[in-house]
Amino acid sequence: MFDSFYRSGSLVFGGGHVVLPLLEQEFVPNGWLSEEAFLAGYGATQAVPGPLFGQRSK
């Protein structure tokens, strides 16, 4: 699971919406999430204000 998040996160250029297809390909076929749960989580992130994928600055 760490490897999936690491690989997906290292490829993010342009915001969190870019990484969604990568995360879906990693977690839905492996059985970690159902398609319905993935889409429900995505819908929940769209319902609240704030960035989808945050970046820290030093």
Foldseek 3Di string as FASTA:
>chain_A
DVVQCVVLVVPDDDFDVVSLVSSCVPQCVVPNDPPVRSVVVVVVLVVDDDGPDDDDDD
